[in-house]
């Protein structure tokens, strides 16, 4: 629904972006059924309207999360002390030309 309604004005959207989540570089953020979706569009013109740069930014978010996850796993396996970090389950979805 989010992608299908991308061209609609905010007042006509079935699911509206969340105002509770901060940051603008990650695109519009939605909460649906307790799941957060980040819709990678350059709504704040940070990337000069370059959607490819917006998609690359979303990819870098996921890569960064993977690096932190790998780092903490390696630290945990080498340490005698308990080291516990939690990371969100994350994925990138490309659908109808959007990310």
N, C-alpha and C. Protein backbone atom coordinates (compact mmCIF):
# COMPACT_ATOMS: atom_id res chain seq x y z
N UNK A 1 0.83 -1.19 0.00
CA UNK A 1 0.00 0.00 0.00
C UNK A 1 0.88 1.25 0.00
N UNK A 2 1.97 1.24 0.78
CA UNK A 2 2.83 2.42 0.88
C UNK A 2 3.36 2.82 -0.49
N UNK A 3 3.84 1.85 -1.25
CA UNK A 3 4.39 2.14 -2.58
C UNK A 3 3.28 2.48 -3.58
N UNK A 4 2.17 1.79 -3.48
CA UNK A 4 1.05 2.06 -4.39
C UNK A 4 0.54 3.49 -4.26
N UNK A 5 0.66 4.05 -3.06
CA UNK A 5 0.13 5.39 -2.80
C UNK A 5 1.21 6.47 -2.76
N UNK A 6 2.38 6.18 -3.32
CA UNK A 6 3.50 7.12 -3.25
C UNK A 6 3.17 8.48 -3.86
N UNK A 7 2.35 8.50 -4.90
CA UNK A 7 2.05 9.77 -5.58
C UNK A 7 0.86 10.52 -4.97
N UNK A 8 0.18 9.91 -4.02
CA UNK A 8 -0.97 10.58 -3.40
C UNK A 8 -0.54 11.64 -2.40
N UNK A 9 -1.35 12.67 -2.23
CA UNK A 9 -1.07 13.64 -1.16
C UNK A 9 -1.19 12.95 0.20
N UNK A 10 -0.49 13.45 1.18
CA UNK A 10 -0.46 12.86 2.52
C UNK A 10 -1.85 12.62 3.08
N UNK A 11 -2.76 13.54 2.85
CA UNK A 11 -4.12 13.42 3.41
C UNK A 11 -4.91 12.26 2.83
N UNK A 12 -4.51 11.77 1.66
CA UNK A 12 -5.24 10.68 1.01
C UNK A 12 -4.60 9.31 1.20
N UNK A 13 -3.47 9.26 1.88
CA UNK A 13 -2.77 7.98 2.06
C UNK A 13 -3.44 7.14 3.13
N UNK A 14 -3.53 5.84 2.87
CA UNK A 14 -4.09 4.90 3.83
C UNK A 14 -3.18 4.78 5.04
N UNK A 15 -1.87 4.65 4.80
CA UNK A 15 -0.86 4.56 5.86
C UNK A 15 0.01 5.81 5.75
N UNK A 16 0.05 6.58 6.80
CA UNK A 16 0.82 7.84 6.78
C UNK A 16 2.17 7.65 7.46
N UNK A 17 3.19 8.43 7.04
CA UNK A 17 4.49 8.34 7.71
C UNK A 17 4.36 8.67 9.19
N UNK A 18 5.17 8.00 9.99
CA UNK A 18 5.16 8.23 11.43
C UNK A 18 5.85 9.54 11.77
N UNK A 19 5.25 10.29 12.66
CA UNK A 19 5.87 11.53 13.13
C UNK A 19 6.68 11.28 14.40
N UNK A 20 6.62 10.05 14.94
CA UNK A 20 7.30 9.71 16.18
C UNK A 20 8.77 9.35 15.95
N UNK A 21 9.13 9.01 14.74
CA UNK A 21 10.50 8.58 14.44
C UNK A 21 11.28 9.73 13.86
N UNK A 22 12.46 9.96 14.38
CA UNK A 22 13.27 11.10 13.96
C UNK A 22 14.14 10.79 12.75
N UNK A 23 14.87 11.79 12.33
CA UNK A 23 15.80 11.65 11.22
C UNK A 23 15.13 11.83 9.88
N UNK A 24 15.86 12.40 8.93
CA UNK A 24 15.29 12.61 7.60
C UNK A 24 16.10 11.92 6.51
N UNK A 25 17.36 11.57 6.79
CA UNK A 25 18.21 10.98 5.75
C UNK A 25 17.75 9.59 5.34
N UNK A 26 17.08 8.85 6.23
CA UNK A 26 16.65 7.50 5.91
C UNK A 26 15.36 7.43 5.12
N UNK A 27 14.79 8.56 4.78
CA UNK A 27 13.53 8.56 4.05
C UNK A 27 12.34 8.61 4.99
N UNK A 28 11.17 8.36 4.44
CA UNK A 28 9.96 8.37 5.26
C UNK A 28 9.90 7.07 6.06
N UNK A 29 9.44 7.17 7.29
CA UNK A 29 9.35 6.01 8.16
C UNK A 29 7.90 5.73 8.51
N UNK A 30 7.54 4.46 8.46
CA UNK A 30 6.18 4.03 8.71
C UNK A 30 6.19 2.93 9.78
N UNK A 31 5.16 2.89 10.60
CA UNK A 31 4.95 1.80 11.55
C UNK A 31 3.64 1.11 11.16
N UNK A 32 3.75 -0.19 10.84
CA UNK A 32 2.58 -0.98 10.47
C UNK A 32 2.69 -2.32 11.18
N UNK A 33 1.67 -2.66 11.99
CA UNK A 33 1.66 -3.93 12.72
C UNK A 33 2.94 -4.09 13.56
N UNK A 34 3.39 -3.02 14.20
CA UNK A 34 4.59 -3.00 15.04
C UNK A 34 5.89 -3.25 14.27
N UNK A 35 5.86 -3.07 12.96
CA UNK A 35 7.06 -3.20 12.12
C UNK A 35 7.37 -1.83 11.55
N UNK A 36 8.65 -1.44 11.66
CA UNK A 36 9.06 -0.15 11.09
C UNK A 36 9.54 -0.36 9.65
N UNK A 37 9.00 0.42 8.74
CA UNK A 37 9.42 0.44 7.35
C UNK A 37 10.04 1.80 7.06
N UNK A 38 11.22 1.78 6.42
CA UNK A 38 11.83 3.02 5.95
C UNK A 38 11.71 3.02 4.44
N UNK A 39 11.00 3.99 3.92
CA UNK A 39 10.79 4.11 2.48
C UNK A 39 11.83 5.07 1.94
N UNK A 40 12.81 4.54 1.23
CA UNK A 40 13.96 5.32 0.79
C UNK A 40 13.61 6.24 -0.37
N UNK A 41 13.08 7.40 -0.02
CA UNK A 41 12.85 8.44 -1.01
C UNK A 41 13.47 9.73 -0.48
N UNK A 42 13.86 10.58 -1.37
CA UNK A 42 14.54 11.83 -0.99
C UNK A 42 13.51 12.93 -0.75
N UNK A 43 12.65 12.73 0.23
CA UNK A 43 11.57 13.69 0.48
C UNK A 43 12.07 15.01 1.05
N UNK A 44 13.26 15.04 1.63
CA UNK A 44 13.81 16.28 2.19
C UNK A 44 14.87 16.89 1.27
N UNK A 45 15.05 16.33 0.08
CA UNK A 45 16.00 16.83 -0.92
C UNK A 45 17.44 16.86 -0.40
N UNK A 46 17.79 15.91 0.43
CA UNK A 46 19.17 15.79 0.95
C UNK A 46 20.12 15.38 -0.16
N UNK A 47 19.64 14.53 -1.06
CA UNK A 47 20.48 14.00 -2.12
C UNK A 47 20.22 14.70 -3.45
N UNK A 48 19.63 15.87 -3.40
CA UNK A 48 19.37 16.65 -4.60
C UNK A 48 18.39 15.97 -5.55
N UNK A 49 17.50 15.15 -5.00
CA UNK A 49 16.53 14.46 -5.82
C UNK A 49 17.07 13.22 -6.51
N UNK A 50 18.32 12.85 -6.21
CA UNK A 50 18.96 11.68 -6.83
C UNK A 50 18.49 10.42 -6.10
N UNK A 51 17.50 9.73 -6.67
CA UNK A 51 16.94 8.55 -6.02
C UNK A 51 17.97 7.42 -5.90
N UNK A 52 18.88 7.31 -6.87
CA UNK A 52 19.92 6.28 -6.79
C UNK A 52 20.78 6.48 -5.54
N UNK A 53 21.12 7.74 -5.25
CA UNK A 53 21.89 8.02 -4.03
C UNK A 53 21.09 7.66 -2.78
N UNK A 54 19.79 7.86 -2.82
CA UNK A 54 18.92 7.50 -1.71
C UNK A 54 18.93 5.99 -1.50
N UNK A 55 18.86 5.23 -2.59
CA UNK A 55 18.88 3.76 -2.49
C UNK A 55 20.23 3.28 -1.97
N UNK A 56 21.31 3.91 -2.44
CA UNK A 56 22.64 3.54 -1.95
C UNK A 56 22.76 3.81 -0.46
N UNK A 57 22.19 4.91 0.00
CA UNK A 57 22.21 5.24 1.42
C UNK A 57 21.49 4.16 2.23
N UNK A 58 20.36 3.68 1.73
CA UNK A 58 19.63 2.61 2.42
C UNK A 58 20.48 1.34 2.48
N UNK A 59 21.17 1.04 1.41
CA UNK A 59 22.06 -0.12 1.39
C UNK A 59 23.20 0.02 2.39
N UNK A 60 23.73 1.22 2.51
CA UNK A 60 24.81 1.47 3.46
C UNK A 60 24.33 1.32 4.91
N UNK A 61 23.09 1.69 5.17
CA UNK A 61 22.51 1.48 6.50
C UNK A 61 22.56 0.00 6.87
N UNK A 62 22.16 -0.85 5.93
CA UNK A 62 22.15 -2.29 6.19
C UNK A 62 23.57 -2.83 6.33
N UNK A 63 24.49 -2.38 5.49
CA UNK A 63 25.88 -2.82 5.60
C UNK A 63 26.48 -2.41 6.95
N UNK A 64 26.19 -1.20 7.40
CA UNK A 64 26.69 -0.75 8.70
C UNK A 64 26.15 -1.60 9.83
N UNK A 65 24.88 -1.95 9.77
CA UNK A 65 24.28 -2.81 10.79
C UNK A 65 24.96 -4.18 10.80
N UNK A 66 25.26 -4.72 9.61
CA UNK A 66 25.95 -6.00 9.52
C UNK A 66 27.35 -5.93 10.13
N UNK A 67 28.06 -4.85 9.91
CA UNK A 67 29.40 -4.69 10.47
C UNK A 67 29.34 -4.68 12.00
N UNK A 68 28.41 -3.91 12.56
CA UNK A 68 28.26 -3.89 14.02
C UNK A 68 27.91 -5.28 14.55
N UNK A 69 27.03 -5.97 13.87
CA UNK A 69 26.64 -7.30 14.30
C UNK A 69 27.83 -8.26 14.28
N UNK A 70 28.60 -8.24 13.19
CA UNK A 70 29.79 -9.09 13.09
C UNK A 70 30.82 -8.74 14.16
N UNK A 71 31.01 -7.46 14.39
CA UNK A 71 31.99 -7.01 15.38
C UNK A 71 31.62 -7.51 16.78
N UNK A 72 30.38 -7.36 17.16
CA UNK A 72 29.97 -7.81 18.49
C UNK A 72 30.02 -9.33 18.61
N UNK A 73 29.73 -10.04 17.53
CA UNK A 73 29.83 -11.50 17.55
C UNK A 73 31.28 -11.91 17.77
N UNK A 74 32.21 -11.26 17.07
CA UNK A 74 33.63 -11.56 17.23
C UNK A 74 34.13 -11.20 18.63
N UNK A 75 33.70 -10.07 19.16
CA UNK A 75 34.10 -9.68 20.51
C UNK A 75 33.57 -10.67 21.54
N UNK A 76 32.35 -11.10 21.35
CA UNK A 76 31.73 -12.04 22.28
C UNK A 76 32.46 -13.37 22.27
N UNK A 77 32.87 -13.84 21.09
CA UNK A 77 33.54 -15.13 21.00
C UNK A 77 34.97 -15.09 21.56
N UNK A 78 35.60 -13.91 21.60
CA UNK A 78 36.97 -13.78 22.09
C UNK A 78 37.04 -13.34 23.55
N UNK A 79 35.93 -12.93 24.10
CA UNK A 79 35.91 -12.39 25.45
C UNK A 79 35.39 -13.42 26.45
N UNK A 80 35.97 -13.39 27.64
CA UNK A 80 35.48 -14.25 28.71
C UNK A 80 34.28 -13.62 29.40
N UNK A 81 34.15 -12.31 29.23
CA UNK A 81 33.02 -11.59 29.82
C UNK A 81 31.82 -11.67 28.89
N UNK A 82 30.67 -11.63 29.49
CA UNK A 82 29.45 -11.64 28.69
C UNK A 82 29.26 -10.28 28.04
N UNK A 83 29.03 -10.29 26.77
CA UNK A 83 28.85 -9.06 26.00
C UNK A 83 27.58 -9.26 25.18
N UNK A 84 26.53 -8.53 25.52
CA UNK A 84 25.25 -8.77 24.88
C UNK A 84 24.74 -7.51 24.18
N UNK A 85 24.56 -7.62 22.89
CA UNK A 85 23.98 -6.55 22.10
C UNK A 85 22.82 -7.12 21.31
N UNK A 86 21.84 -6.31 21.06
CA UNK A 86 20.70 -6.74 20.25
C UNK A 86 20.61 -5.84 19.01
N UNK A 87 20.30 -6.45 17.90
CA UNK A 87 20.17 -5.71 16.64
C UNK A 87 18.83 -6.07 16.02
N UNK A 88 18.22 -5.13 15.32
CA UNK A 88 16.93 -5.43 14.70
C UNK A 88 17.09 -6.36 13.51
N UNK A 89 16.07 -7.14 13.26
CA UNK A 89 16.02 -7.94 12.05
C UNK A 89 15.78 -6.95 10.91
N UNK A 90 16.66 -6.94 9.92
CA UNK A 90 16.58 -5.94 8.85
C UNK A 90 16.74 -6.59 7.49
N UNK A 91 16.11 -5.99 6.50
CA UNK A 91 16.28 -6.43 5.12
C UNK A 91 15.96 -5.25 4.20
N UNK A 92 16.42 -5.36 2.97
CA UNK A 92 16.08 -4.38 1.94
C UNK A 92 15.08 -5.03 1.00
N UNK A 93 14.06 -4.29 0.63
CA UNK A 93 13.06 -4.80 -0.30
C UNK A 93 13.01 -3.85 -1.49
N UNK A 94 13.23 -4.38 -2.66
CA UNK A 94 13.08 -3.61 -3.90
C UNK A 94 11.76 -4.06 -4.53
N UNK A 95 10.85 -3.11 -4.72
CA UNK A 95 9.52 -3.44 -5.22
C UNK A 95 9.01 -2.32 -6.12
N UNK A 96 8.63 -2.67 -7.32
CA UNK A 96 8.09 -1.71 -8.29
C UNK A 96 9.01 -0.51 -8.51
N UNK A 97 10.31 -0.76 -8.51
CA UNK A 97 11.27 0.29 -8.76
C UNK A 97 11.59 1.16 -7.55
N UNK A 98 11.12 0.79 -6.38
CA UNK A 98 11.39 1.54 -5.16
C UNK A 98 12.15 0.65 -4.18
N UNK A 99 12.85 1.28 -3.27
CA UNK A 99 13.56 0.55 -2.22
C UNK A 99 13.05 1.07 -0.89
